[in-house]
Amino acid sequence: MGNADAPNAADSSPGPDHRPDDRHEAFVRLLMEHEGRVRGFLRGLLPTWNDVDEVIQQASIVAWRKFPEFDRQTNFGGWLLVIARYEALKHRRRLARSPLVFSEEVWELLANEAEPAHAAEAIDRRRTALEHCLDKLGVEQRMLLLETHTPGVRLNEIARRAGRSEQAFYKVVQRLRAAVLDCMRGQLVPESAP
Protein backbone atom coordinates (compact mmCIF):
# COMPACT_ATOMS: atom_id res chain seq x y z
CA MET A 1 0.00 0.00 0.00
CA GLY A 2 2.48 2.59 1.06
CA ASN A 3 6.05 3.14 0.02
CA ALA A 4 8.49 2.30 2.82
CA ASP A 5 10.72 5.18 1.71
CA ALA A 6 7.90 7.73 1.76
CA PRO A 7 8.01 10.14 4.70
CA ASN A 8 5.54 9.41 7.45
CA ALA A 9 3.23 12.36 8.06
CA ALA A 10 3.43 11.74 11.81
CA ASP A 11 7.24 11.87 11.70
CA SER A 12 8.14 15.54 11.92
CA SER A 13 11.61 15.05 13.33
CA PRO A 14 14.02 17.87 12.61
CA GLY A 15 17.15 17.48 10.56
CA PRO A 16 20.49 16.22 11.91
CA ASP A 17 21.55 19.63 13.23
CA HIS A 18 18.49 19.83 15.47
CA ARG A 19 17.95 16.39 16.95
CA PRO A 20 14.95 16.36 19.31
CA ASP A 21 17.17 15.46 22.29
CA ASP A 22 19.52 18.39 21.60
CA ARG A 23 16.62 20.79 21.18
CA HIS A 24 14.98 19.55 24.37
CA GLU A 25 18.22 19.82 26.33
CA ALA A 26 18.91 23.34 25.04
CA PHE A 27 15.39 24.44 25.93
CA VAL A 28 15.54 22.99 29.45
CA ARG A 29 18.93 24.59 30.11
CA LEU A 30 17.73 28.00 28.95
CA LEU A 31 14.46 27.69 30.86
CA MET A 32 16.26 26.78 34.08
CA GLU A 33 18.72 29.62 33.62
CA HIS A 34 15.98 32.25 33.27
CA GLU A 35 13.08 30.87 35.30
CA GLY A 36 14.03 32.67 38.52
CA ARG A 37 14.07 36.05 36.77
CA VAL A 38 10.72 35.35 35.13
CA ARG A 39 9.21 34.27 38.46
CA GLY A 40 10.41 37.50 40.08
CA PHE A 41 8.91 39.54 37.27
CA LEU A 42 5.61 37.66 37.44
CA ARG A 43 5.38 38.04 41.21
CA GLY A 44 5.26 41.78 40.71
CA LEU A 45 2.23 41.31 38.45
CA LEU A 46 0.28 38.52 40.10
CA PRO A 47 -1.33 38.34 43.54
CA THR A 48 0.05 35.00 44.78
CA TRP A 49 2.89 32.55 44.23
CA ASN A 50 0.28 30.00 43.15
CA ASP A 51 -0.68 32.35 40.32
CA VAL A 52 3.01 32.70 39.44
CA ASP A 53 3.36 28.90 39.34
CA GLU A 54 0.35 28.56 37.03
CA VAL A 55 1.56 31.27 34.69
CA ILE A 56 5.18 30.07 34.56
CA GLN A 57 3.92 26.60 33.73
CA GLN A 58 1.75 27.90 30.90
CA ALA A 59 4.50 30.22 29.65
CA SER A 60 6.92 27.27 29.61
CA ILE A 61 4.50 25.23 27.52
CA VAL A 62 4.01 28.08 25.07
CA ALA A 63 7.78 28.70 24.90
CA TRP A 64 8.41 24.99 24.21
CA ARG A 65 5.85 25.00 21.40
CA LYS A 66 7.41 28.14 19.89
CA PHE A 67 11.02 27.14 20.57
CA PRO A 68 11.67 26.09 16.95
CA GLU A 69 10.88 29.71 15.99
CA PHE A 70 13.27 31.18 18.60
CA ASP A 71 16.33 32.86 17.11
CA ARG A 72 19.26 31.55 19.14
CA GLN A 73 21.20 34.72 18.39
CA THR A 74 18.75 36.69 20.54
CA ASN A 75 18.07 36.81 24.28
CA PHE A 76 16.08 33.79 25.50
CA GLY A 77 15.35 35.48 28.84
CA GLY A 78 13.77 38.50 27.17
CA TRP A 79 11.81 36.24 24.81
CA LEU A 80 10.51 34.16 27.72
CA LEU A 81 9.59 37.32 29.67
CA VAL A 82 7.45 38.53 26.77
CA ILE A 83 5.65 35.18 26.63
CA ALA A 84 5.22 35.20 30.43
CA ARG A 85 3.83 38.73 30.34
CA TYR A 86 1.16 37.73 27.81
CA GLU A 87 0.34 34.58 29.77
CA ALA A 88 0.04 36.68 32.95
CA LEU A 89 -2.35 39.01 31.16
CA LYS A 90 -4.48 36.05 30.05
CA HIS A 91 -4.39 34.67 33.60
CA ARG A 92 -5.35 38.03 35.03
CA ARG A 93 -8.29 38.22 32.67
CA ARG A 94 -9.45 34.82 33.91
CA LEU A 95 -9.28 36.16 37.47
CA ALA A 96 -11.03 39.41 36.54
CA ARG A 97 -14.16 38.40 38.43
CA SER A 98 -12.23 38.74 41.68
CA PRO A 99 -12.43 42.21 43.29
CA LEU A 100 -8.77 41.89 44.31
CA VAL A 101 -7.41 41.99 40.76
CA PHE A 102 -5.88 45.23 39.47
CA SER A 103 -7.57 47.18 36.71
CA GLU A 104 -6.13 46.90 33.20
CA GLU A 105 -4.45 50.32 33.56
CA VAL A 106 -2.77 49.47 36.86
CA TRP A 107 -1.63 46.11 35.52
CA GLU A 108 -0.04 47.75 32.47
CA LEU A 109 1.66 50.32 34.69
CA LEU A 110 3.13 47.56 36.89
CA ALA A 111 4.28 45.58 33.87
CA ASN A 112 5.94 48.62 32.32
CA GLU A 113 7.56 49.62 35.62
CA ALA A 114 9.11 46.19 36.02
CA GLU A 115 10.73 46.54 32.55
CA PRO A 116 11.75 42.90 32.22
CA ALA A 117 15.21 43.23 30.72
CA HIS A 118 16.51 45.86 33.15
CA ALA A 119 14.78 44.39 36.19
CA ALA A 120 16.08 40.91 35.45
CA GLU A 121 19.64 42.14 34.97
CA ALA A 122 19.48 44.14 38.21
CA ILE A 123 18.15 41.13 40.12
CA ASP A 124 20.96 38.95 38.74
CA ARG A 125 23.61 41.54 39.71
CA ARG A 126 22.21 41.84 43.25
CA ARG A 127 21.96 38.06 43.66
CA THR A 128 25.55 37.58 42.47
CA ALA A 129 26.79 40.36 44.78
CA LEU A 130 24.89 38.90 47.73
CA GLU A 131 26.33 35.42 47.12
CA HIS A 132 29.84 36.88 46.81
CA CYS A 133 29.48 38.88 50.02
CA LEU A 134 27.98 35.99 51.97
CA ASP A 135 30.90 33.82 50.81
CA LYS A 136 33.27 36.35 52.41
CA LEU A 137 31.77 35.59 55.84
CA GLY A 138 33.00 32.70 57.93
CA VAL A 139 30.90 29.54 57.75
CA GLU A 140 29.40 30.07 61.23
CA GLN A 141 28.66 33.74 60.55
CA ARG A 142 27.04 32.92 57.23
CA MET A 143 24.86 30.17 58.75
CA LEU A 144 23.86 32.46 61.60
CA LEU A 145 22.86 35.27 59.26
CA LEU A 146 20.95 32.95 56.94
CA GLU A 147 19.14 31.37 59.87
CA THR A 148 17.96 34.77 61.09
CA HIS A 149 16.25 35.26 57.71
CA THR A 150 14.48 31.91 57.72
CA PRO A 151 10.69 32.32 57.80
CA GLY A 152 9.17 31.40 61.16
CA VAL A 153 12.47 31.54 63.08
CA ARG A 154 12.60 33.93 66.03
CA LEU A 155 15.78 35.79 66.92
CA ASN A 156 15.36 35.15 70.65
CA GLU A 157 15.35 31.37 69.98
CA ILE A 158 18.57 31.58 67.95
CA ALA A 159 20.17 33.78 70.63
CA ARG A 160 19.25 31.28 73.35
CA ARG A 161 20.73 28.37 71.33
CA ALA A 162 23.89 30.43 70.72
CA GLY A 163 24.17 31.11 74.46
CA ARG A 164 23.89 34.89 74.10
CA SER A 165 21.52 37.50 75.39
CA GLU A 166 19.01 38.80 72.87
CA GLN A 167 20.62 42.23 72.93
CA ALA A 168 24.15 40.90 72.34
CA PHE A 169 22.89 38.56 69.64
CA TYR A 170 21.00 41.37 67.91
CA LYS A 171 24.19 43.47 67.81
CA VAL A 172 26.10 40.59 66.21
CA VAL A 173 23.39 40.16 63.58
CA GLN A 174 23.32 43.91 62.89
CA ARG A 175 27.11 43.95 62.41
CA LEU A 176 26.91 41.00 60.00
CA ARG A 177 24.09 42.64 58.04
CA ALA A 178 26.04 45.90 57.86
CA ALA A 179 29.15 44.06 56.63
CA VAL A 180 27.19 42.29 53.89
CA LEU A 181 25.44 45.53 52.91
CA ASP A 182 28.74 47.43 52.68
CA CYS A 183 30.23 44.61 50.61
CA MET A 184 27.23 44.62 48.28
CA ARG A 185 27.43 48.37 47.83
CA GLY A 186 31.04 47.94 46.78
CA GLN A 187 30.13 45.14 44.39
CA LEU A 188 27.24 47.05 42.81
CA VAL A 189 29.11 50.32 42.15
CA PRO A 190 28.77 51.10 38.44
CA GLU A 191 31.93 50.38 36.48
CA SER A 192 32.12 54.02 35.38
CA ALA A 193 32.42 55.19 39.00
CA PRO A 194 35.93 56.24 40.09
C-alpha atoms as a PDB file:
ATOM      1  CA  MET A   1       0.000   0.000   0.000  1.00  0.00           C
ATOM      2  CA  GLY A   2       2.476   2.594   1.063  1.00  0.00           C
ATOM      3  CA  ASN A   3       6.045   3.143   0.025  1.00  0.00           C
ATOM      4  CA  ALA A   4       8.492   2.298   2.817  1.00  0.00           C
ATOM      5  CA  ASP A   5      10.717   5.182   1.708  1.00  0.00           C
ATOM      6  CA  ALA A   6       7.900   7.733   1.761  1.00  0.00           C
ATOM      7  CA  PRO A   7       8.011  10.138   4.702  1.00  0.00           C
ATOM      8  CA  ASN A   8       5.543   9.410   7.453  1.00  0.00           C
ATOM      9  CA  ALA A   9       3.228  12.359   8.064  1.00  0.00           C
ATOM     10  CA  ALA A  10       3.434  11.741  11.811  1.00  0.00           C
ATOM     11  CA  ASP A  11       7.239  11.873  11.700  1.00  0.00           C
ATOM     12  CA  SER A  12       8.136  15.537  11.923  1.00  0.00           C
ATOM     13  CA  SER A  13      11.605  15.050  13.325  1.00  0.00           C
ATOM     14  CA  PRO A  14      14.018  17.874  12.611  1.00  0.00           C
ATOM     15  CA  GLY A  15      17.152  17.482  10.562  1.00  0.00           C
ATOM     16  CA  PRO A  16      20.494  16.221  11.909  1.00  0.00           C
ATOM     17  CA  ASP A  17      21.552  19.632  13.231  1.00  0.00           C
ATOM     18  CA  HIS A  18      18.495  19.830  15.473  1.00  0.00           C
ATOM     19  CA  ARG A  19      17.949  16.388  16.949  1.00  0.00           C
ATOM     20  CA  PRO A  20      14.955  16.355  19.312  1.00  0.00           C
ATOM     21  CA  ASP A  21      17.167  15.464  22.292  1.00  0.00           C
ATOM     22  CA  ASP A  22      19.519  18.387  21.603  1.00  0.00           C
ATOM     23  CA  ARG A  23      16.620  20.793  21.180  1.00  0.00           C
ATOM     24  CA  HIS A  24      14.984  19.548  24.369  1.00  0.00           C
ATOM     25  CA  GLU A  25      18.225  19.818  26.333  1.00  0.00           C
ATOM     26  CA  ALA A  26      18.914  23.337  25.035  1.00  0.00           C
ATOM     27  CA  PHE A  27      15.391  24.444  25.933  1.00  0.00           C
ATOM     28  CA  VAL A  28      15.545  22.987  29.454  1.00  0.00           C
ATOM     29  CA  ARG A  29      18.931  24.592  30.105  1.00  0.00           C
ATOM     30  CA  LEU A  30      17.731  28.002  28.953  1.00  0.00           C
ATOM     31  CA  LEU A  31      14.464  27.693  30.861  1.00  0.00           C
ATOM     32  CA  MET A  32      16.260  26.777  34.084  1.00  0.00           C
ATOM     33  CA  GLU A  33      18.723  29.624  33.619  1.00  0.00           C
ATOM     34  CA  HIS A  34      15.983  32.253  33.265  1.00  0.00           C
ATOM     35  CA  GLU A  35      13.079  30.867  35.297  1.00  0.00           C
ATOM     36  CA  GLY A  36      14.030  32.673  38.522  1.00  0.00           C
ATOM     37  CA  ARG A  37      14.067  36.046  36.773  1.00  0.00           C
ATOM     38  CA  VAL A  38      10.723  35.354  35.132  1.00  0.00           C
ATOM     39  CA  ARG A  39       9.213  34.267  38.455  1.00  0.00           C
ATOM     40  CA  GLY A  40      10.405  37.495  40.083  1.00  0.00           C
ATOM     41  CA  PHE A  41       8.913  39.543  37.267  1.00  0.00           C
ATOM     42  CA  LEU A  42       5.613  37.662  37.445  1.00  0.00           C
ATOM     43  CA  ARG A  43       5.377  38.040  41.210  1.00  0.00           C
ATOM     44  CA  GLY A  44       5.259  41.783  40.705  1.00  0.00           C
ATOM     45  CA  LEU A  45       2.235  41.312  38.447  1.00  0.00           C
ATOM     46  CA  LEU A  46       0.275  38.523  40.103  1.00  0.00           C
ATOM     47  CA  PRO A  47      -1.333  38.341  43.540  1.00  0.00           C
ATOM     48  CA  THR A  48       0.053  34.997  44.778  1.00  0.00           C
ATOM     49  CA  TRP A  49       2.891  32.554  44.226  1.00  0.00           C
ATOM     50  CA  ASN A  50       0.278  29.995  43.147  1.00  0.00           C
ATOM     51  CA  ASP A  51      -0.683  32.350  40.322  1.00  0.00           C
ATOM     52  CA  VAL A  52       3.008  32.700  39.444  1.00  0.00           C
ATOM     53  CA  ASP A  53       3.362  28.897  39.343  1.00  0.00           C
ATOM     54  CA  GLU A  54       0.352  28.559  37.029  1.00  0.00           C
ATOM     55  CA  VAL A  55       1.562  31.275  34.685  1.00  0.00           C
ATOM     56  CA  ILE A  56       5.180  30.075  34.563  1.00  0.00           C
ATOM     57  CA  GLN A  57       3.925  26.596  33.727  1.00  0.00           C
ATOM     58  CA  GLN A  58       1.745  27.895  30.903  1.00  0.00           C
ATOM     59  CA  ALA A  59       4.497  30.217  29.648  1.00  0.00           C
ATOM     60  CA  SER A  60       6.920  27.271  29.613  1.00  0.00           C
ATOM     61  CA  ILE A  61       4.502  25.227  27.518  1.00  0.00           C
ATOM     62  CA  VAL A  62       4.010  28.084  25.069  1.00  0.00           C
ATOM     63  CA  ALA A  63       7.779  28.698  24.899  1.00  0.00           C
ATOM     64  CA  TRP A  64       8.407  24.994  24.213  1.00  0.00           C
ATOM     65  CA  ARG A  65       5.852  25.002  21.403  1.00  0.00           C
ATOM     66  CA  LYS A  66       7.410  28.138  19.888  1.00  0.00           C
ATOM     67  CA  PHE A  67      11.021  27.140  20.567  1.00  0.00           C
ATOM     68  CA  PRO A  68      11.674  26.088  16.948  1.00  0.00           C
ATOM     69  CA  GLU A  69      10.882  29.711  15.987  1.00  0.00           C
ATOM     70  CA  PHE A  70      13.271  31.175  18.603  1.00  0.00           C
ATOM     71  CA  ASP A  71      16.333  32.861  17.110  1.00  0.00           C
ATOM     72  CA  ARG A  72      19.258  31.548  19.143  1.00  0.00           C
ATOM     73  CA  GLN A  73      21.202  34.718  18.392  1.00  0.00           C
ATOM     74  CA  THR A  74      18.749  36.695  20.538  1.00  0.00           C
ATOM     75  CA  ASN A  75      18.067  36.808  24.282  1.00  0.00           C
ATOM     76  CA  PHE A  76      16.081  33.787  25.504  1.00  0.00           C
ATOM     77  CA  GLY A  77      15.352  35.483  28.842  1.00  0.00           C
ATOM     78  CA  GLY A  78      13.768  38.496  27.167  1.00  0.00           C
ATOM     79  CA  TRP A  79      11.808  36.244  24.809  1.00  0.00           C
ATOM     80  CA  LEU A  80      10.515  34.164  27.718  1.00  0.00           C
ATOM     81  CA  LEU A  81       9.593  37.316  29.667  1.00  0.00           C
ATOM     82  CA  VAL A  82       7.447  38.532  26.775  1.00  0.00           C
ATOM     83  CA  ILE A  83       5.654  35.181  26.634  1.00  0.00           C
ATOM     84  CA  ALA A  84       5.217  35.204  30.427  1.00  0.00           C
ATOM     85  CA  ARG A  85       3.831  38.730  30.335  1.00  0.00           C
ATOM     86  CA  TYR A  86       1.158  37.733  27.810  1.00  0.00           C
ATOM     87  CA  GLU A  87       0.335  34.585  29.771  1.00  0.00           C
ATOM     88  CA  ALA A  88       0.041  36.682  32.952  1.00  0.00           C
ATOM     89  CA  LEU A  89      -2.355  39.008  31.160  1.00  0.00           C
ATOM     90  CA  LYS A  90      -4.480  36.052  30.050  1.00  0.00           C
ATOM     91  CA  HIS A  91      -4.392  34.665  33.602  1.00  0.00           C
ATOM     92  CA  ARG A  92      -5.348  38.031  35.033  1.00  0.00           C
ATOM     93  CA  ARG A  93      -8.289  38.223  32.667  1.00  0.00           C
ATOM     94  CA  ARG A  94      -9.453  34.822  33.915  1.00  0.00           C
ATOM     95  CA  LEU A  95      -9.276  36.158  37.470  1.00  0.00           C
ATOM     96  CA  ALA A  96     -11.027  39.407  36.541  1.00  0.00           C
ATOM     97  CA  ARG A  97     -14.164  38.396  38.429  1.00  0.00           C
ATOM     98  CA  SER A  98     -12.229  38.742  41.677  1.00  0.00           C
ATOM     99  CA  PRO A  99     -12.427  42.206  43.287  1.00  0.00           C
ATOM    100  CA  LEU A 100      -8.766  41.894  44.313  1.00  0.00           C
ATOM    101  CA  VAL A 101      -7.413  41.986  40.760  1.00  0.00           C
ATOM    102  CA  PHE A 102      -5.884  45.228  39.474  1.00  0.00           C
ATOM    103  CA  SER A 103      -7.570  47.178  36.706  1.00  0.00           C
ATOM    104  CA  GLU A 104      -6.128  46.905  33.203  1.00  0.00           C
ATOM    105  CA  GLU A 105      -4.451  50.316  33.556  1.00  0.00           C
ATOM    106  CA  VAL A 106      -2.772  49.467  36.864  1.00  0.00           C
ATOM    107  CA  TRP A 107      -1.633  46.112  35.517  1.00  0.00           C
ATOM    108  CA  GLU A 108      -0.035  47.752  32.466  1.00  0.00           C
ATOM    109  CA  LEU A 109       1.663  50.325  34.691  1.00  0.00           C
ATOM    110  CA  LEU A 110       3.133  47.565  36.887  1.00  0.00           C
ATOM    111  CA  ALA A 111       4.282  45.576  33.868  1.00  0.00           C
ATOM    112  CA  ASN A 112       5.936  48.621  32.317  1.00  0.00           C
ATOM    113  CA  GLU A 113       7.560  49.621  35.624  1.00  0.00           C
ATOM    114  CA  ALA A 114       9.110  46.191  36.017  1.00  0.00           C
ATOM    115  CA  GLU A 115      10.726  46.542  32.555  1.00  0.00           C
ATOM    116  CA  PRO A 116      11.749  42.896  32.218  1.00  0.00           C
ATOM    117  CA  ALA A 117      15.214  43.229  30.719  1.00  0.00           C
ATOM    118  CA  HIS A 118      16.511  45.864  33.151  1.00  0.00           C
ATOM    119  CA  ALA A 119      14.782  44.387  36.189  1.00  0.00           C
ATOM    120  CA  ALA A 120      16.076  40.907  35.451  1.00  0.00           C
ATOM    121  CA  GLU A 121      19.642  42.143  34.970  1.00  0.00           C
ATOM    122  CA  ALA A 122      19.481  44.140  38.206  1.00  0.00           C
ATOM    123  CA  ILE A 123      18.151  41.127  40.121  1.00  0.00           C
ATOM    124  CA  ASP A 124      20.961  38.949  38.744  1.00  0.00           C
ATOM    125  CA  ARG A 125      23.611  41.537  39.710  1.00  0.00           C
ATOM    126  CA  ARG A 126      22.211  41.842  43.254  1.00  0.00           C
ATOM    127  CA  ARG A 127      21.957  38.055  43.659  1.00  0.00           C
ATOM    128  CA  THR A 128      25.548  37.581  42.471  1.00  0.00           C
ATOM    129  CA  ALA A 129      26.785  40.364  44.781  1.00  0.00           C
ATOM    130  CA  LEU A 130      24.892  38.896  47.734  1.00  0.00           C
ATOM    131  CA  GLU A 131      26.329  35.423  47.125  1.00  0.00           C
ATOM    132  CA  HIS A 132      29.843  36.884  46.807  1.00  0.00           C
ATOM    133  CA  CYS A 133      29.478  38.883  50.022  1.00  0.00           C
ATOM    134  CA  LEU A 134      27.982  35.986  51.967  1.00  0.00           C
ATOM    135  CA  ASP A 135      30.903  33.824  50.814  1.00  0.00           C
ATOM    136  CA  LYS A 136      33.272  36.352  52.415  1.00  0.00           C
ATOM    137  CA  LEU A 137      31.772  35.590  55.841  1.00  0.00           C
ATOM    138  CA  GLY A 138      32.999  32.699  57.926  1.00  0.00           C
ATOM    139  CA  VAL A 139      30.898  29.537  57.755  1.00  0.00           C
ATOM    140  CA  GLU A 140      29.396  30.073  61.231  1.00  0.00           C
ATOM    141  CA  GLN A 141      28.658  33.736  60.550  1.00  0.00           C
ATOM    142  CA  ARG A 142      27.037  32.919  57.228  1.00  0.00           C
ATOM    143  CA  MET A 143      24.859  30.170  58.747  1.00  0.00           C
ATOM    144  CA  LEU A 144      23.861  32.455  61.603  1.00  0.00           C
ATOM    145  CA  LEU A 145      22.865  35.270  59.261  1.00  0.00           C
ATOM    146  CA  LEU A 146      20.952  32.953  56.936  1.00  0.00           C
ATOM    147  CA  GLU A 147      19.138  31.373  59.871  1.00  0.00           C
ATOM    148  CA  THR A 148      17.956  34.769  61.093  1.00  0.00           C
ATOM    149  CA  HIS A 149      16.247  35.259  57.710  1.00  0.00           C
ATOM    150  CA  THR A 150      14.480  31.908  57.721  1.00  0.00           C
ATOM    151  CA  PRO A 151      10.688  32.315  57.801  1.00  0.00           C
ATOM    152  CA  GLY A 152       9.172  31.400  61.164  1.00  0.00           C
ATOM    153  CA  VAL A 153      12.468  31.543  63.076  1.00  0.00           C
ATOM    154  CA  ARG A 154      12.595  33.929  66.026  1.00  0.00           C
ATOM    155  CA  LEU A 155      15.785  35.786  66.916  1.00  0.00           C
ATOM    156  CA  ASN A 156      15.357  35.146  70.646  1.00  0.00           C
ATOM    157  CA  GLU A 157      15.350  31.372  69.985  1.00  0.00           C
ATOM    158  CA  ILE A 158      18.567  31.582  67.949  1.00  0.00           C
ATOM    159  CA  ALA A 159      20.173  33.784  70.630  1.00  0.00           C
ATOM    160  CA  ARG A 160      19.246  31.276  73.345  1.00  0.00           C
ATOM    161  CA  ARG A 161      20.734  28.373  71.333  1.00  0.00           C
ATOM    162  CA  ALA A 162      23.893  30.431  70.721  1.00  0.00           C
ATOM    163  CA  GLY A 163      24.175  31.114  74.459  1.00  0.00           C
ATOM    164  CA  ARG A 164      23.894  34.886  74.095  1.00  0.00           C
ATOM    165  CA  SER A 165      21.518  37.502  75.391  1.00  0.00           C
ATOM    166  CA  GLU A 166      19.008  38.805  72.874  1.00  0.00           C
ATOM    167  CA  GLN A 167      20.622  42.232  72.932  1.00  0.00           C
ATOM    168  CA  ALA A 168      24.149  40.897  72.341  1.00  0.00           C
ATOM    169  CA  PHE A 169      22.890  38.562  69.637  1.00  0.00           C
ATOM    170  CA  TYR A 170      20.997  41.366  67.913  1.00  0.00           C
ATOM    171  CA  LYS A 171      24.188  43.473  67.810  1.00  0.00           C
ATOM    172  CA  VAL A 172      26.102  40.592  66.210  1.00  0.00           C
ATOM    173  CA  VAL A 173      23.395  40.161  63.576  1.00  0.00           C
ATOM    174  CA  GLN A 174      23.323  43.906  62.885  1.00  0.00           C
ATOM    175  CA  ARG A 175      27.108  43.950  62.405  1.00  0.00           C
ATOM    176  CA  LEU A 176      26.907  40.999  60.001  1.00  0.00           C
ATOM    177  CA  ARG A 177      24.095  42.640  58.040  1.00  0.00           C
ATOM    178  CA  ALA A 178      26.036  45.899  57.858  1.00  0.00           C
ATOM    179  CA  ALA A 179      29.151  44.060  56.629  1.00  0.00           C
ATOM    180  CA  VAL A 180      27.187  42.287  53.891  1.00  0.00           C
ATOM    181  CA  LEU A 181      25.444  45.531  52.910  1.00  0.00           C
ATOM    182  CA  ASP A 182      28.744  47.429  52.680  1.00  0.00           C
ATOM    183  CA  CYS A 183      30.230  44.613  50.613  1.00  0.00           C
ATOM    184  CA  MET A 184      27.229  44.615  48.282  1.00  0.00           C
ATOM    185  CA  ARG A 185      27.432  48.374  47.829  1.00  0.00           C
ATOM    186  CA  GLY A 186      31.041  47.938  46.784  1.00  0.00           C
ATOM    187  CA  GLN A 187      30.125  45.140  44.394  1.00  0.00           C
ATOM    188  CA  LEU A 188      27.244  47.052  42.814  1.00  0.00           C
ATOM    189  CA  VAL A 189      29.110  50.317  42.153  1.00  0.00           C
ATOM    190  CA  PRO A 190      28.768  51.101  38.444  1.00  0.00           C
ATOM    191  CA  GLU A 191      31.928  50.381  36.481  1.00  0.00           C
ATOM    192  CA  SER A 192      32.118  54.019  35.380  1.00  0.00           C
ATOM    193  CA  ALA A 193      32.418  55.186  38.995  1.00  0.00           C
ATOM    194  CA  PRO A 194      35.935  56.238  40.093  1.00  0.00           C
END
